[in-house]
Amino acid sequence: MLKLFATIITALIVSGCAYTTGTEVKPQAMEQIRLNKSTKSDVERIIGYPPRKQNFGKGEIWYYDYQAISYIPFAGNKNETAVFEFNSKGVVTKKYKANKAGNPLTN
């Protein structure tokens, strides 16, 4: 019985997060996207179609929300959004990641 319990705990630790949702934008992808050079089609090719868009003046903002909740206490949860702002020509003018608050499981 103790061996079975140890096996289950080890499997849980090795497997990582219990719940993820959204699109994780890794640092390598952020680096590939160049300010004042990359276009909407470049961002879509590198990351994928954005789940959220917003018109902003003559431009547009794309949001990629990502949430990862670990079932291991104190393992570190993520609740972040990668944001890309485009001008009227569809060129990236700003890019950044924002951490979101509000979910006690991810803070």
C-alpha atoms as a PDB file:
ATOM      1  CA  MET A   1       0.000   0.000   0.000  1.00  0.00           C
ATOM      2  CA  LEU A   2       2.827   2.410   0.852  1.00  0.00           C
ATOM      3  CA  LYS A   3       4.521   1.616  -2.458  1.00  0.00           C
ATOM      4  CA  LEU A   4       1.311   2.427  -4.365  1.00  0.00           C
ATOM      5  CA  PHE A   5       0.939   5.734  -2.509  1.00  0.00           C
ATOM      6  CA  ALA A   6       4.578   6.659  -3.255  1.00  0.00           C
ATOM      7  CA  THR A   7       4.049   5.837  -6.938  1.00  0.00           C
ATOM      8  CA  ILE A   8       0.950   8.030  -7.140  1.00  0.00           C
ATOM      9  CA  ILE A   9       2.688  10.966  -5.412  1.00  0.00           C
ATOM     10  CA  THR A  10       5.698  10.639  -7.719  1.00  0.00           C
ATOM     11  CA  ALA A  11       3.444  10.611 -10.793  1.00  0.00           C
ATOM     12  CA  LEU A  12       1.670  13.746  -9.592  1.00  0.00           C
ATOM     13  CA  ILE A  13       4.929  15.588  -9.000  1.00  0.00           C
ATOM     14  CA  VAL A  14       6.408  14.600 -12.346  1.00  0.00           C
ATOM     15  CA  SER A  15       3.310  15.473 -14.371  1.00  0.00           C
ATOM     16  CA  GLY A  16       3.326  19.176 -13.379  1.00  0.00           C
ATOM     17  CA  CYS A  17       0.139  21.200 -13.656  1.00  0.00           C
ATOM     18  CA  ALA A  18      -3.318  19.832 -13.075  1.00  0.00           C
ATOM     19  CA  TYR A  19      -5.129  22.467 -15.125  1.00  0.00           C
ATOM     20  CA  THR A  20      -4.106  24.724 -18.001  1.00  0.00           C
ATOM     21  CA  THR A  21      -6.149  26.881 -20.316  1.00  0.00           C
ATOM     22  CA  GLY A  22      -5.382  29.384 -23.027  1.00  0.00           C
ATOM     23  CA  THR A  23      -2.282  29.945 -25.103  1.00  0.00           C
ATOM     24  CA  GLU A  24       1.077  30.078 -23.379  1.00  0.00           C
ATOM     25  CA  VAL A  25       3.366  32.541 -25.147  1.00  0.00           C
ATOM     26  CA  LYS A  26       6.908  31.445 -24.382  1.00  0.00           C
ATOM     27  CA  PRO A  27       9.843  33.902 -24.150  1.00  0.00           C
ATOM     28  CA  GLN A  28      11.251  32.555 -27.439  1.00  0.00           C
ATOM     29  CA  ALA A  29       8.039  33.533 -29.232  1.00  0.00           C
ATOM     30  CA  MET A  30       8.105  37.012 -27.661  1.00  0.00           C
ATOM     31  CA  GLU A  31      11.692  37.442 -28.909  1.00  0.00           C
ATOM     32  CA  GLN A  32      10.774  36.419 -32.473  1.00  0.00           C
ATOM     33  CA  ILE A  33       8.209  39.216 -32.705  1.00  0.00           C
ATOM     34  CA  ARG A  34       9.983  42.486 -33.552  1.00  0.00           C
ATOM     35  CA  LEU A  35       8.625  45.924 -32.685  1.00  0.00           C
ATOM     36  CA  ASN A  36       7.838  48.121 -35.698  1.00  0.00           C
ATOM     37  CA  LYS A  37       8.646  45.216 -38.040  1.00  0.00           C
ATOM     38  CA  SER A  38       6.496  42.125 -37.337  1.00  0.00           C
ATOM     39  CA  THR A  39       2.951  42.090 -38.706  1.00  0.00           C
ATOM     40  CA  LYS A  40      -0.325  40.490 -37.680  1.00  0.00           C
ATOM     41  CA  SER A  41       0.370  37.554 -39.978  1.00  0.00           C
ATOM     42  CA  ASP A  42       3.812  37.087 -38.365  1.00  0.00           C
ATOM     43  CA  VAL A  43       2.254  36.970 -34.887  1.00  0.00           C
ATOM     44  CA  GLU A  44      -0.450  34.577 -36.045  1.00  0.00           C
ATOM     45  CA  ARG A  45       2.168  32.314 -37.665  1.00  0.00           C
ATOM     46  CA  ILE A  46       4.369  32.284 -34.524  1.00  0.00           C
ATOM     47  CA  ILE A  47       1.690  32.051 -31.803  1.00  0.00           C
ATOM     48  CA  GLY A  48      -1.622  31.306 -33.472  1.00  0.00           C
ATOM     49  CA  TYR A  49      -4.910  33.107 -33.946  1.00  0.00           C
ATOM     50  CA  PRO A  50      -5.683  35.373 -30.962  1.00  0.00           C
ATOM     51  CA  PRO A  51      -8.580  34.334 -28.738  1.00  0.00           C
ATOM     52  CA  ARG A  52      -9.320  37.997 -27.922  1.00  0.00           C
ATOM     53  CA  LYS A  53      -9.069  41.132 -30.051  1.00  0.00           C
ATOM     54  CA  GLN A  54      -9.934  44.757 -29.364  1.00  0.00           C
ATOM     55  CA  ASN A  55     -10.041  47.771 -31.656  1.00  0.00           C
ATOM     56  CA  PHE A  56      -7.962  50.644 -30.307  1.00  0.00           C
ATOM     57  CA  GLY A  57      -8.179  53.923 -32.218  1.00  0.00           C
ATOM     58  CA  LYS A  58      -7.073  53.040 -35.734  1.00  0.00           C
ATOM     59  CA  GLY A  59      -5.144  50.006 -34.503  1.00  0.00           C
ATOM     60  CA  GLU A  60      -5.903  46.730 -32.808  1.00  0.00           C
ATOM     61  CA  ILE A  61      -4.826  44.853 -29.681  1.00  0.00           C
ATOM     62  CA  TRP A  62      -4.473  41.080 -29.518  1.00  0.00           C
ATOM     63  CA  TYR A  63      -4.605  39.191 -26.209  1.00  0.00           C
ATOM     64  CA  TYR A  64      -3.379  35.676 -25.455  1.00  0.00           C
ATOM     65  CA  ASP A  65      -4.579  34.650 -21.981  1.00  0.00           C
ATOM     66  CA  TYR A  66      -2.916  31.733 -20.213  1.00  0.00           C
ATOM     67  CA  GLN A  67      -3.614  30.094 -16.876  1.00  0.00           C
ATOM     68  CA  ALA A  68      -1.845  27.154 -15.242  1.00  0.00           C
ATOM     69  CA  ILE A  69      -2.912  25.901 -11.835  1.00  0.00           C
ATOM     70  CA  SER A  70      -0.761  23.296 -10.129  1.00  0.00           C
ATOM     71  CA  TYR A  71      -2.250  20.807  -7.724  1.00  0.00           C
ATOM     72  CA  ILE A  72       1.048  20.785  -5.838  1.00  0.00           C
ATOM     73  CA  PRO A  73       0.938  23.394  -3.042  1.00  0.00           C
ATOM     74  CA  PHE A  74       3.372  26.288  -3.490  1.00  0.00           C
ATOM     75  CA  ALA A  75       4.524  24.961  -6.875  1.00  0.00           C
ATOM     76  CA  GLY A  76       3.797  28.262  -8.583  1.00  0.00           C
ATOM     77  CA  ASN A  77       0.726  29.013 -10.627  1.00  0.00           C
ATOM     78  CA  LYS A  78       0.510  31.279 -13.693  1.00  0.00           C
ATOM     79  CA  ASN A  79      -2.184  33.725 -14.672  1.00  0.00           C
ATOM     80  CA  GLU A  80      -0.852  35.940 -17.446  1.00  0.00           C
ATOM     81  CA  THR A  81      -1.734  37.630 -20.705  1.00  0.00           C
ATOM     82  CA  ALA A  82       0.573  38.307 -23.638  1.00  0.00           C
ATOM     83  CA  VAL A  83      -0.492  41.548 -25.329  1.00  0.00           C
ATOM     84  CA  PHE A  84       0.362  42.778 -28.822  1.00  0.00           C
ATOM     85  CA  GLU A  85      -0.620  46.228 -30.068  1.00  0.00           C
ATOM     86  CA  PHE A  86      -0.777  46.937 -33.809  1.00  0.00           C
ATOM     87  CA  ASN A  87      -0.948  50.225 -35.696  1.00  0.00           C
ATOM     88  CA  SER A  88      -3.343  50.909 -38.577  1.00  0.00           C
ATOM     89  CA  LYS A  89      -0.942  49.147 -40.991  1.00  0.00           C
ATOM     90  CA  GLY A  90      -1.003  45.947 -38.915  1.00  0.00           C
ATOM     91  CA  VAL A  91       2.553  46.308 -37.571  1.00  0.00           C
ATOM     92  CA  VAL A  92       3.431  45.513 -33.930  1.00  0.00           C
ATOM     93  CA  THR A  93       4.049  48.707 -31.937  1.00  0.00           C
ATOM     94  CA  LYS A  94       4.017  47.240 -28.398  1.00  0.00           C
ATOM     95  CA  LYS A  95       4.350  43.789 -26.867  1.00  0.00           C
ATOM     96  CA  TYR A  96       4.350  42.755 -23.231  1.00  0.00           C
ATOM     97  CA  LYS A  97       3.124  40.216 -20.697  1.00  0.00           C
ATOM     98  CA  ALA A  98       0.777  41.188 -17.899  1.00  0.00           C
ATOM     99  CA  ASN A  99       0.141  39.150 -14.784  1.00  0.00           C
ATOM    100  CA  LYS A 100      -3.501  39.095 -13.802  1.00  0.00           C
ATOM    101  CA  ALA A 101      -4.939  39.058 -10.321  1.00  0.00           C
ATOM    102  CA  GLY A 102      -8.306  37.912  -9.126  1.00  0.00           C
ATOM    103  CA  ASN A 103      -8.164  34.127  -8.928  1.00  0.00           C
ATOM    104  CA  PRO A 104      -6.973  33.003  -5.497  1.00  0.00           C
ATOM    105  CA  LEU A 105      -5.779  29.695  -6.953  1.00  0.00           C
ATOM    106  CA  THR A 106      -3.268  31.462  -9.210  1.00  0.00           C
ATOM    107  CA  ASN A 107      -1.962  34.143  -6.852  1.00  0.00           C
END
